[in-house]
């Protein structure tokens, strides 16, 4: 199960079917894709540094020059963020869009600043 807080500026927009569908689709995205945070800035810096270290060690095994290693780590880190950050994930209903794109579309439709404030995901069984 997923609990999600999505904010907008007025009750009028919050009560529209489009906004409710948007919130429902986000909850389904969170349930399916299991993000760790909304954006990069919400991730634990220690986790990001640990991941960078792992990716750098893997890249060094390739035997490529140091300047190439940095680009490899940067690319792999971007992929990592795409997996664990909600806003960077591919939208499950339309993989051509990211959740950030979907959020921007909702902002354009409503004319309001829609914000994904927080979420929590519950899962039964083995973690």
N, C-alpha and C. Protein backbone atom coordinates (compact mmCIF):
# COMPACT_ATOMS: atom_id res chain seq x y z
N UNK A 1 0.83 -1.17 0.00
CA UNK A 1 0.00 0.00 0.00
C UNK A 1 0.88 1.23 0.00
N UNK A 2 0.29 2.32 -0.45
CA UNK A 2 1.03 3.58 -0.55
C UNK A 2 0.19 4.70 0.04
N UNK A 3 0.83 5.52 0.86
CA UNK A 3 0.23 6.78 1.31
C UNK A 3 1.03 7.90 0.67
N UNK A 4 0.31 8.85 0.08
CA UNK A 4 0.95 9.88 -0.73
C UNK A 4 0.35 11.24 -0.41
N UNK A 5 1.18 12.25 -0.30
CA UNK A 5 0.71 13.62 -0.15
C UNK A 5 1.10 14.41 -1.38
N UNK A 6 0.08 14.89 -2.10
CA UNK A 6 0.28 15.74 -3.27
C UNK A 6 -0.46 17.04 -2.99
N UNK A 7 0.22 18.16 -3.10
CA UNK A 7 -0.39 19.45 -2.80
C UNK A 7 -0.60 20.28 -4.05
N UNK A 8 -1.66 21.09 -4.00
CA UNK A 8 -1.91 22.09 -5.03
C UNK A 8 -2.35 23.36 -4.32
N UNK A 9 -2.63 24.41 -5.06
CA UNK A 9 -2.90 25.70 -4.44
C UNK A 9 -4.35 25.91 -4.02
N UNK A 10 -5.31 25.24 -4.67
CA UNK A 10 -6.72 25.49 -4.35
C UNK A 10 -7.48 24.18 -4.16
N UNK A 11 -8.55 24.26 -3.40
CA UNK A 11 -9.44 23.11 -3.23
C UNK A 11 -10.14 22.77 -4.54
N UNK A 12 -10.38 23.80 -5.34
CA UNK A 12 -11.07 23.59 -6.62
C UNK A 12 -10.31 22.57 -7.46
N UNK A 13 -9.01 22.73 -7.58
CA UNK A 13 -8.18 21.79 -8.37
C UNK A 13 -8.08 20.45 -7.66
N UNK A 14 -7.94 20.47 -6.35
CA UNK A 14 -7.78 19.23 -5.59
C UNK A 14 -8.99 18.31 -5.73
N UNK A 15 -10.15 18.86 -6.02
CA UNK A 15 -11.36 18.06 -6.12
C UNK A 15 -11.69 17.63 -7.54
N UNK A 16 -10.86 17.98 -8.50
CA UNK A 16 -11.14 17.60 -9.89
C UNK A 16 -10.79 16.14 -10.13
N UNK A 17 -11.50 15.49 -11.05
CA UNK A 17 -11.18 14.09 -11.38
C UNK A 17 -9.75 13.93 -11.93
N UNK A 18 -9.26 14.92 -12.67
CA UNK A 18 -7.91 14.84 -13.24
C UNK A 18 -6.85 14.80 -12.13
N UNK A 19 -7.03 15.65 -11.12
CA UNK A 19 -6.08 15.69 -10.01
C UNK A 19 -6.12 14.38 -9.22
N UNK A 20 -7.32 13.87 -8.98
CA UNK A 20 -7.46 12.60 -8.26
C UNK A 20 -6.84 11.45 -9.04
N UNK A 21 -7.02 11.46 -10.36
CA UNK A 21 -6.41 10.42 -11.18
C UNK A 21 -4.89 10.54 -11.14
N UNK A 22 -4.38 11.77 -11.18
CA UNK A 22 -2.95 12.01 -11.09
C UNK A 22 -2.39 11.41 -9.80
N UNK A 23 -3.04 11.69 -8.66
CA UNK A 23 -2.58 11.18 -7.37
C UNK A 23 -2.65 9.65 -7.35
N UNK A 24 -3.71 9.09 -7.90
CA UNK A 24 -3.85 7.63 -7.95
C UNK A 24 -2.75 7.01 -8.80
N UNK A 25 -2.46 7.62 -9.95
CA UNK A 25 -1.40 7.11 -10.83
C UNK A 25 -0.03 7.19 -10.16
N UNK A 26 0.21 8.26 -9.41
CA UNK A 26 1.47 8.37 -8.67
C UNK A 26 1.58 7.27 -7.62
N UNK A 27 0.48 7.01 -6.92
CA UNK A 27 0.49 5.95 -5.90
C UNK A 27 0.77 4.59 -6.55
N UNK A 28 0.18 4.35 -7.72
CA UNK A 28 0.46 3.08 -8.42
C UNK A 28 1.91 3.02 -8.87
N UNK A 29 2.47 4.14 -9.30
CA UNK A 29 3.88 4.20 -9.69
C UNK A 29 4.77 3.83 -8.51
N UNK A 30 4.48 4.41 -7.36
CA UNK A 30 5.27 4.15 -6.16
C UNK A 30 5.16 2.69 -5.75
N UNK A 31 3.96 2.14 -5.82
CA UNK A 31 3.76 0.73 -5.47
C UNK A 31 4.53 -0.18 -6.42
N UNK A 32 4.53 0.14 -7.70
CA UNK A 32 5.17 -0.71 -8.71
C UNK A 32 6.69 -0.55 -8.76
N UNK A 33 7.16 0.70 -8.69
CA UNK A 33 8.59 0.96 -8.94
C UNK A 33 9.42 1.10 -7.67
N UNK A 34 8.80 1.22 -6.51
CA UNK A 34 9.48 1.26 -5.23
C UNK A 34 10.62 2.28 -5.17
N UNK A 35 10.33 3.58 -5.40
CA UNK A 35 11.39 4.59 -5.28
C UNK A 35 11.81 4.77 -3.82
N UNK A 36 13.03 5.25 -3.61
CA UNK A 36 13.53 5.49 -2.27
C UNK A 36 13.27 6.93 -1.82
N UNK A 37 13.13 7.84 -2.79
CA UNK A 37 12.97 9.26 -2.48
C UNK A 37 12.25 9.95 -3.63
N UNK A 38 11.79 11.17 -3.39
CA UNK A 38 11.12 11.94 -4.43
C UNK A 38 12.14 12.44 -5.44
N UNK A 39 13.21 13.07 -4.97
CA UNK A 39 14.25 13.60 -5.86
C UNK A 39 15.63 13.28 -5.32
N UNK A 40 16.64 13.63 -6.10
CA UNK A 40 18.03 13.37 -5.71
C UNK A 40 18.37 13.99 -4.36
N UNK A 41 17.89 15.21 -4.14
CA UNK A 41 18.21 15.93 -2.91
C UNK A 41 17.62 15.27 -1.67
N UNK A 42 16.64 14.39 -1.87
CA UNK A 42 16.01 13.70 -0.74
C UNK A 42 16.73 12.40 -0.35
N UNK A 43 17.67 11.96 -1.17
CA UNK A 43 18.42 10.75 -0.86
C UNK A 43 19.46 11.02 0.22
N UNK A 44 19.76 10.01 1.00
CA UNK A 44 20.80 10.09 2.02
C UNK A 44 22.15 10.27 1.32
N UNK A 45 22.89 11.35 1.62
CA UNK A 45 24.19 11.58 0.97
C UNK A 45 25.17 10.41 1.14
N UNK A 46 25.09 9.72 2.28
CA UNK A 46 25.97 8.57 2.50
C UNK A 46 25.67 7.45 1.51
N UNK A 47 24.38 7.25 1.22
CA UNK A 47 23.98 6.23 0.24
C UNK A 47 24.52 6.56 -1.14
N UNK A 48 24.44 7.83 -1.52
CA UNK A 48 24.92 8.27 -2.84
C UNK A 48 26.44 8.08 -2.92
N UNK A 49 27.16 8.46 -1.86
CA UNK A 49 28.62 8.29 -1.86
C UNK A 49 29.01 6.81 -1.91
N UNK A 50 28.28 5.98 -1.20
CA UNK A 50 28.54 4.54 -1.22
C UNK A 50 28.32 3.99 -2.63
N UNK A 51 27.24 4.42 -3.26
CA UNK A 51 26.95 3.96 -4.63
C UNK A 51 28.03 4.44 -5.60
N UNK A 52 28.49 5.68 -5.44
CA UNK A 52 29.57 6.21 -6.28
C UNK A 52 30.83 5.35 -6.14
N UNK A 53 31.14 4.98 -4.89
CA UNK A 53 32.31 4.15 -4.63
C UNK A 53 32.21 2.79 -5.31
N UNK A 54 31.04 2.19 -5.22
CA UNK A 54 30.82 0.88 -5.86
C UNK A 54 30.95 1.01 -7.37
N UNK A 55 30.33 2.05 -7.94
CA UNK A 55 30.38 2.24 -9.39
C UNK A 55 31.80 2.54 -9.87
N UNK A 56 32.55 3.31 -9.08
CA UNK A 56 33.93 3.63 -9.45
C UNK A 56 34.79 2.37 -9.43
N UNK A 57 34.59 1.53 -8.43
CA UNK A 57 35.34 0.27 -8.34
C UNK A 57 35.02 -0.62 -9.54
N UNK A 58 33.76 -0.69 -9.92
CA UNK A 58 33.36 -1.49 -11.08
C UNK A 58 33.98 -0.92 -12.36
N UNK A 59 33.97 0.42 -12.47
CA UNK A 59 34.52 1.06 -13.66
C UNK A 59 36.04 0.84 -13.76
N UNK A 60 36.73 0.86 -12.62
CA UNK A 60 38.18 0.65 -12.63
C UNK A 60 38.56 -0.74 -13.14
N UNK A 61 37.67 -1.71 -12.89
CA UNK A 61 37.93 -3.07 -13.36
C UNK A 61 37.98 -3.15 -14.88
N UNK A 62 37.39 -2.16 -15.55
CA UNK A 62 37.39 -2.16 -17.02
C UNK A 62 38.76 -1.81 -17.58
N UNK A 63 39.64 -1.19 -16.75
CA UNK A 63 40.99 -0.85 -17.19
C UNK A 63 41.07 0.38 -18.07
N UNK A 64 40.03 1.19 -18.09
CA UNK A 64 40.01 2.39 -18.93
C UNK A 64 40.69 3.55 -18.21
N UNK A 65 41.08 4.59 -18.96
CA UNK A 65 41.74 5.76 -18.36
C UNK A 65 40.84 6.47 -17.34
N UNK A 66 41.47 7.21 -16.44
CA UNK A 66 40.76 7.87 -15.33
C UNK A 66 39.68 8.84 -15.83
N UNK A 67 39.98 9.61 -16.90
CA UNK A 67 38.98 10.57 -17.39
C UNK A 67 37.74 9.87 -17.97
N UNK A 68 37.91 8.67 -18.49
CA UNK A 68 36.79 7.89 -19.01
C UNK A 68 36.00 7.29 -17.86
N UNK A 69 36.71 6.90 -16.80
CA UNK A 69 36.04 6.32 -15.62
C UNK A 69 35.02 7.29 -15.03
N UNK A 70 35.40 8.56 -14.99
CA UNK A 70 34.51 9.57 -14.42
C UNK A 70 33.20 9.65 -15.21
N UNK A 71 33.30 9.61 -16.53
CA UNK A 71 32.10 9.64 -17.38
C UNK A 71 31.27 8.37 -17.20
N UNK A 72 31.95 7.24 -17.05
CA UNK A 72 31.23 5.97 -16.85
C UNK A 72 30.44 6.02 -15.54
N UNK A 73 31.09 6.50 -14.48
CA UNK A 73 30.44 6.58 -13.17
C UNK A 73 29.27 7.56 -13.24
N UNK A 74 29.47 8.68 -13.92
CA UNK A 74 28.42 9.68 -14.06
C UNK A 74 27.18 9.08 -14.75
N UNK A 75 27.40 8.32 -15.82
CA UNK A 75 26.30 7.69 -16.54
C UNK A 75 25.59 6.63 -15.71
N UNK A 76 26.37 5.83 -15.01
CA UNK A 76 25.77 4.79 -14.16
C UNK A 76 25.05 5.39 -12.96
N UNK A 77 25.56 6.50 -12.45
CA UNK A 77 24.91 7.18 -11.33
C UNK A 77 23.57 7.77 -11.79
N UNK A 78 23.53 8.28 -13.01
CA UNK A 78 22.28 8.81 -13.56
C UNK A 78 21.25 7.68 -13.66
N UNK A 79 21.69 6.51 -14.07
CA UNK A 79 20.79 5.35 -14.15
C UNK A 79 20.30 4.97 -12.75
N UNK A 80 21.19 5.00 -11.77
CA UNK A 80 20.83 4.73 -10.38
C UNK A 80 19.75 5.70 -9.91
N UNK A 81 19.94 7.00 -10.17
CA UNK A 81 18.94 7.99 -9.78
C UNK A 81 17.61 7.74 -10.49
N UNK A 82 17.68 7.29 -11.73
CA UNK A 82 16.48 6.97 -12.49
C UNK A 82 15.71 5.80 -11.91
N UNK A 83 16.38 4.97 -11.15
CA UNK A 83 15.72 3.82 -10.53
C UNK A 83 15.18 4.15 -9.14
N UNK A 84 15.89 4.99 -8.38
CA UNK A 84 15.52 5.20 -6.97
C UNK A 84 14.84 6.54 -6.68
N UNK A 85 14.85 7.48 -7.61
CA UNK A 85 14.21 8.78 -7.40
C UNK A 85 12.91 8.84 -8.19
N UNK A 86 11.82 9.06 -7.50
CA UNK A 86 10.50 9.05 -8.13
C UNK A 86 10.43 9.98 -9.33
N UNK A 87 10.89 11.21 -9.20
CA UNK A 87 10.77 12.18 -10.29
C UNK A 87 11.56 11.79 -11.53
N UNK A 88 12.57 10.96 -11.38
CA UNK A 88 13.40 10.55 -12.51
C UNK A 88 13.02 9.20 -13.10
N UNK A 89 12.08 8.52 -12.46
CA UNK A 89 11.66 7.21 -12.96
C UNK A 89 10.82 7.36 -14.22
N UNK A 90 10.91 6.34 -15.08
CA UNK A 90 10.02 6.29 -16.24
C UNK A 90 8.62 6.00 -15.73
N UNK A 91 7.65 6.72 -16.24
CA UNK A 91 6.26 6.55 -15.83
C UNK A 91 5.77 5.20 -16.34
N UNK A 92 5.26 4.35 -15.45
CA UNK A 92 4.89 2.98 -15.83
C UNK A 92 3.78 2.94 -16.87
N UNK A 93 2.89 3.92 -16.88
CA UNK A 93 1.81 3.93 -17.87
C UNK A 93 2.25 4.48 -19.22
N UNK A 94 3.35 5.23 -19.25
CA UNK A 94 3.89 5.78 -20.49
C UNK A 94 5.41 5.92 -20.33
N UNK A 95 6.17 4.88 -20.65
CA UNK A 95 7.63 4.91 -20.43
C UNK A 95 8.38 6.01 -21.17
N UNK A 96 7.72 6.68 -22.13
CA UNK A 96 8.37 7.80 -22.82
C UNK A 96 8.46 9.03 -21.93
N UNK A 97 7.67 9.06 -20.85
CA UNK A 97 7.66 10.17 -19.91
C UNK A 97 8.34 9.78 -18.60
N UNK A 98 8.95 10.76 -17.96
CA UNK A 98 9.38 10.55 -16.57
C UNK A 98 8.26 11.07 -15.68
N UNK A 99 8.34 10.78 -14.40
CA UNK A 99 7.35 11.30 -13.47
C UNK A 99 7.43 12.83 -13.42
N UNK A 100 8.64 13.38 -13.57
CA UNK A 100 8.79 14.84 -13.63
C UNK A 100 8.01 15.41 -14.81
N UNK A 101 8.08 14.75 -15.97
CA UNK A 101 7.31 15.18 -17.15
C UNK A 101 5.81 15.13 -16.86
N UNK A 102 5.37 14.04 -16.23
CA UNK A 102 3.96 13.87 -15.89
C UNK A 102 3.51 14.96 -14.92
N UNK A 103 4.35 15.28 -13.94
CA UNK A 103 4.07 16.35 -12.99
C UNK A 103 3.98 17.70 -13.72
N UNK A 104 4.90 17.95 -14.64
CA UNK A 104 4.87 19.20 -15.41
C UNK A 104 3.60 19.32 -16.24
N UNK A 105 3.14 18.19 -16.80
CA UNK A 105 1.88 18.20 -17.55
C UNK A 105 0.71 18.57 -16.64
N UNK A 106 0.68 18.02 -15.44
CA UNK A 106 -0.39 18.33 -14.49
C UNK A 106 -0.35 19.80 -14.11
N UNK A 107 0.85 20.34 -13.91
CA UNK A 107 0.98 21.76 -13.59
C UNK A 107 0.46 22.63 -14.73
N UNK A 108 0.77 22.23 -15.96
CA UNK A 108 0.30 22.99 -17.12
C UNK A 108 -1.22 22.92 -17.25
N UNK A 109 -1.80 21.75 -17.03
CA UNK A 109 -3.26 21.58 -17.13
C UNK A 109 -4.00 22.39 -16.08
N UNK A 110 -3.49 22.38 -14.86
CA UNK A 110 -4.20 23.03 -13.75
C UNK A 110 -3.83 24.51 -13.61
N UNK A 111 -2.68 24.88 -14.11
CA UNK A 111 -2.21 26.25 -13.93
C UNK A 111 -1.77 26.53 -12.50
N UNK A 112 -1.55 25.47 -11.74
CA UNK A 112 -1.14 25.61 -10.35
C UNK A 112 0.17 24.88 -10.09
N UNK A 113 0.80 25.24 -8.99
CA UNK A 113 2.04 24.59 -8.60
C UNK A 113 1.70 23.31 -7.82
N UNK A 114 1.66 22.21 -8.53
CA UNK A 114 1.38 20.91 -7.92
C UNK A 114 2.70 20.35 -7.40
N UNK A 115 2.70 19.89 -6.14
CA UNK A 115 3.94 19.41 -5.52
C UNK A 115 3.71 18.02 -4.92
N UNK A 116 4.62 17.12 -5.21
CA UNK A 116 4.62 15.82 -4.55
C UNK A 116 5.40 16.02 -3.26
N UNK A 117 4.69 16.02 -2.14
CA UNK A 117 5.29 16.39 -0.87
C UNK A 117 6.01 15.23 -0.20
N UNK A 118 5.33 14.07 -0.10
CA UNK A 118 5.95 12.92 0.56
C UNK A 118 5.14 11.67 0.25
N UNK A 119 5.76 10.52 0.53
CA UNK A 119 5.07 9.25 0.36
C UNK A 119 5.68 8.23 1.30
N UNK A 120 4.92 7.18 1.54
CA UNK A 120 5.43 6.02 2.25
C UNK A 120 4.82 4.79 1.58
N UNK A 121 5.63 3.78 1.44
CA UNK A 121 5.20 2.54 0.78
C UNK A 121 5.29 1.40 1.77
N UNK A 122 4.19 0.66 1.88
CA UNK A 122 4.14 -0.50 2.76
C UNK A 122 4.14 -1.76 1.92
N UNK A 123 4.88 -2.78 2.40
CA UNK A 123 4.94 -4.05 1.69
C UNK A 123 4.95 -5.18 2.69
N UNK A 124 4.10 -6.16 2.45
CA UNK A 124 4.07 -7.34 3.29
C UNK A 124 5.10 -8.35 2.81
N UNK A 125 5.62 -9.14 3.71
CA UNK A 125 6.56 -10.20 3.33
C UNK A 125 7.99 -9.74 3.38
N UNK A 126 8.85 -10.51 2.71
CA UNK A 126 10.28 -10.25 2.72
C UNK A 126 10.59 -8.91 2.09
N UNK A 127 11.51 -8.17 2.68
CA UNK A 127 11.88 -6.86 2.18
C UNK A 127 12.88 -6.95 1.06
